[in-house]
């Protein structure tokens, strides 16, 4: 499982000219599922991201979590995080989980995250338009397994 987070002051997800998710201060989480991922990977990263200290404290150090600052997460499915660009000019997505499995794990991940922090989501497999105001910018990659690198 590979999740790219971006710290934002606000973010919106639009599908077919309809707003489906909006947050203020928080994180946009782009969620990619690997062919070998399980619910255990989802559990691990939901907890890790909810507790990630990526927000500044009173001394300007990244020392607070999304929970500490009362923020929200906008979770967006993103199979292209497993695009392999090492050969040729067209990425290969062989390592990305198949759609039915990925959808189930993505929904499970969002459920686990929702138990920890407020969350909004995009729509799985939809053509989404994401607008975000990056804060910092702070962008980090989280991985559930070292071999997925």
Protein backbone atom coordinates (compact mmCIF):
# COMPACT_ATOMS: atom_id res chain seq x y z
CA UNK A 1 0.00 0.00 0.00
CA UNK A 2 1.34 3.39 -0.97
CA UNK A 3 -0.18 6.64 0.25
CA UNK A 4 0.99 10.09 -0.75
CA UNK A 5 -0.16 12.75 1.69
CA UNK A 6 -0.17 16.48 1.15
CA UNK A 7 -0.77 18.92 3.98
CA UNK A 8 -3.41 21.42 2.87
CA UNK A 9 -5.28 24.44 4.15
CA UNK A 10 -8.27 23.30 2.05
CA UNK A 11 -9.12 20.77 -0.68
CA UNK A 12 -12.10 19.86 -2.85
CA UNK A 13 -12.95 16.82 -4.98
CA UNK A 14 -15.35 17.26 -7.90
CA UNK A 15 -16.84 14.48 -10.05
CA UNK A 16 -18.96 15.33 -13.11
CA UNK A 17 -19.26 18.98 -11.98
CA UNK A 18 -20.56 17.87 -8.57
CA UNK A 19 -18.64 18.42 -5.35
CA UNK A 20 -18.26 15.07 -3.57
CA UNK A 21 -15.72 15.96 -0.88
CA UNK A 22 -14.39 19.10 0.79
CA UNK A 23 -12.08 19.68 3.74
CA UNK A 24 -10.48 22.65 5.44
CA UNK A 25 -7.15 22.24 7.20
CA UNK A 26 -5.91 18.69 6.90
CA UNK A 27 -4.43 16.16 4.52
CA UNK A 28 -5.18 14.97 1.03
CA UNK A 29 -4.33 11.26 0.97
CA UNK A 30 -3.79 9.69 -2.46
CA UNK A 31 -4.25 5.96 -1.84
CA UNK A 32 -2.68 3.30 -4.08
CA UNK A 33 -3.26 -0.41 -3.52
CA UNK A 34 -0.66 -3.06 -4.41
CA UNK A 35 -1.54 -6.53 -5.70
CA UNK A 36 -0.32 -8.06 -2.40
CA UNK A 37 -2.06 -5.67 0.00
CA UNK A 38 -4.39 -6.88 2.73
CA UNK A 39 -6.54 -5.34 5.45
CA UNK A 40 -3.48 -5.47 7.71
CA UNK A 41 -1.77 -2.95 5.42
CA UNK A 42 -4.83 -0.71 5.66
CA UNK A 43 -4.90 -0.95 9.46
CA UNK A 44 -1.22 -0.08 9.69
CA UNK A 45 -1.35 2.97 7.43
CA UNK A 46 -4.66 4.32 8.76
CA UNK A 47 -3.13 4.47 12.24
CA UNK A 48 0.19 5.81 10.95
CA UNK A 49 -1.41 8.65 8.99
CA UNK A 50 -3.88 9.60 11.73
CA UNK A 51 -0.92 9.97 14.11
CA UNK A 52 1.61 11.46 11.65
CA UNK A 53 3.16 14.56 13.18
CA UNK A 54 3.17 16.79 10.10
CA UNK A 55 1.56 19.94 11.50
CA UNK A 56 3.54 22.68 13.21
CA UNK A 57 3.51 23.33 16.93
CA UNK A 58 3.95 26.76 18.56
CA UNK A 59 7.71 26.59 17.88
CA UNK A 60 7.37 25.90 14.14
CA UNK A 61 8.32 22.21 14.42
CA UNK A 62 6.26 19.49 12.77
CA UNK A 63 5.13 18.03 16.05
CA UNK A 64 1.32 17.81 15.83
CA UNK A 65 -0.94 15.25 14.18
CA UNK A 66 -4.13 15.85 12.26
CA UNK A 67 -5.95 14.79 15.41
CA UNK A 68 -4.10 17.43 17.45
CA UNK A 69 -5.08 20.25 15.08
CA UNK A 70 -8.68 19.09 14.53
CA UNK A 71 -8.15 18.60 10.80
CA UNK A 72 -9.75 16.30 8.23
CA UNK A 73 -8.59 13.97 5.49
CA UNK A 74 -9.69 13.91 1.86
CA UNK A 75 -9.01 10.34 0.68
CA UNK A 76 -8.60 9.83 -3.07
CA UNK A 77 -8.09 6.44 -4.76
CA UNK A 78 -4.95 6.61 -6.91
CA UNK A 79 -3.88 3.41 -8.69
CA UNK A 80 -1.26 5.36 -10.64
CA UNK A 81 0.93 5.42 -7.52
CA UNK A 82 1.93 1.92 -8.64
CA UNK A 83 2.84 3.02 -12.15
CA UNK A 84 6.21 1.56 -13.14
CA UNK A 85 8.05 4.07 -15.33
CA UNK A 86 11.41 2.32 -15.54
CA UNK A 87 10.95 1.03 -19.10
CA UNK A 88 9.72 2.91 -22.15
CA UNK A 89 7.50 5.95 -22.08
CA UNK A 90 4.19 4.39 -21.04
CA UNK A 91 3.82 3.39 -17.39
CA UNK A 92 2.93 -0.19 -16.50
CA UNK A 93 0.35 -0.74 -13.78
CA UNK A 94 0.93 -4.48 -13.27
CA UNK A 95 1.66 -3.98 -9.56
CA UNK A 96 -1.61 -2.14 -8.86
CA UNK A 97 -4.39 -4.22 -7.32
CA UNK A 98 -7.27 -5.22 -9.58
CA UNK A 99 -10.24 -2.85 -9.37
CA UNK A 100 -12.60 -5.08 -7.35
CA UNK A 101 -9.96 -5.89 -4.72
CA UNK A 102 -8.64 -2.32 -4.66
CA UNK A 103 -12.14 -0.91 -4.14
CA UNK A 104 -12.81 -3.23 -1.23
CA UNK A 105 -9.48 -2.39 0.43
CA UNK A 106 -9.89 1.34 -0.27
CA UNK A 107 -13.31 1.31 1.40
CA UNK A 108 -11.91 -0.69 4.32
CA UNK A 109 -9.03 1.79 4.71
CA UNK A 110 -11.46 4.73 4.70
CA UNK A 111 -13.62 3.00 7.31
CA UNK A 112 -10.60 2.47 9.57
CA UNK A 113 -9.46 6.06 9.08
CA UNK A 114 -12.96 7.38 9.82
CA UNK A 115 -12.77 5.74 13.26
CA UNK A 116 -9.77 7.99 13.99
CA UNK A 117 -10.33 11.31 12.16
CA UNK A 118 -12.99 13.13 10.11
CA UNK A 119 -12.76 12.01 6.49
CA UNK A 120 -14.19 12.88 3.08
CA UNK A 121 -13.60 10.76 -0.03
CA UNK A 122 -13.60 10.89 -3.76
CA UNK A 123 -15.40 8.25 -5.85
CA UNK A 124 -13.49 5.09 -6.71
CA UNK A 125 -12.60 4.85 -10.43
CA UNK A 126 -14.23 8.19 -11.21
CA UNK A 127 -12.60 10.96 -13.21
CA UNK A 128 -11.97 13.28 -10.28
CA UNK A 129 -10.85 16.90 -10.26
CA UNK A 130 -8.91 17.73 -7.11
CA UNK A 131 -8.26 21.31 -6.09
CA UNK A 132 -5.96 21.78 -3.11
CA UNK A 133 -4.14 24.61 -1.44
CA UNK A 134 -0.88 23.00 -0.34
CA UNK A 135 0.36 24.13 3.06
CA UNK A 136 4.12 24.29 3.32
CA UNK A 137 4.22 22.49 0.99
CA UNK A 138 4.49 19.25 2.94
CA UNK A 139 4.26 16.07 0.86
CA UNK A 140 5.18 12.61 2.20
CA UNK A 141 4.98 9.03 0.93
CA UNK A 142 3.85 6.25 3.26
CA UNK A 143 4.41 2.59 2.39
CA UNK A 144 3.05 -0.47 4.16
CA UNK A 145 5.79 -2.79 2.88
CA UNK A 146 9.40 -2.07 2.08
CA UNK A 147 9.32 -4.37 -0.97
CA UNK A 148 6.71 -2.13 -2.61
CA UNK A 149 9.35 0.58 -3.15
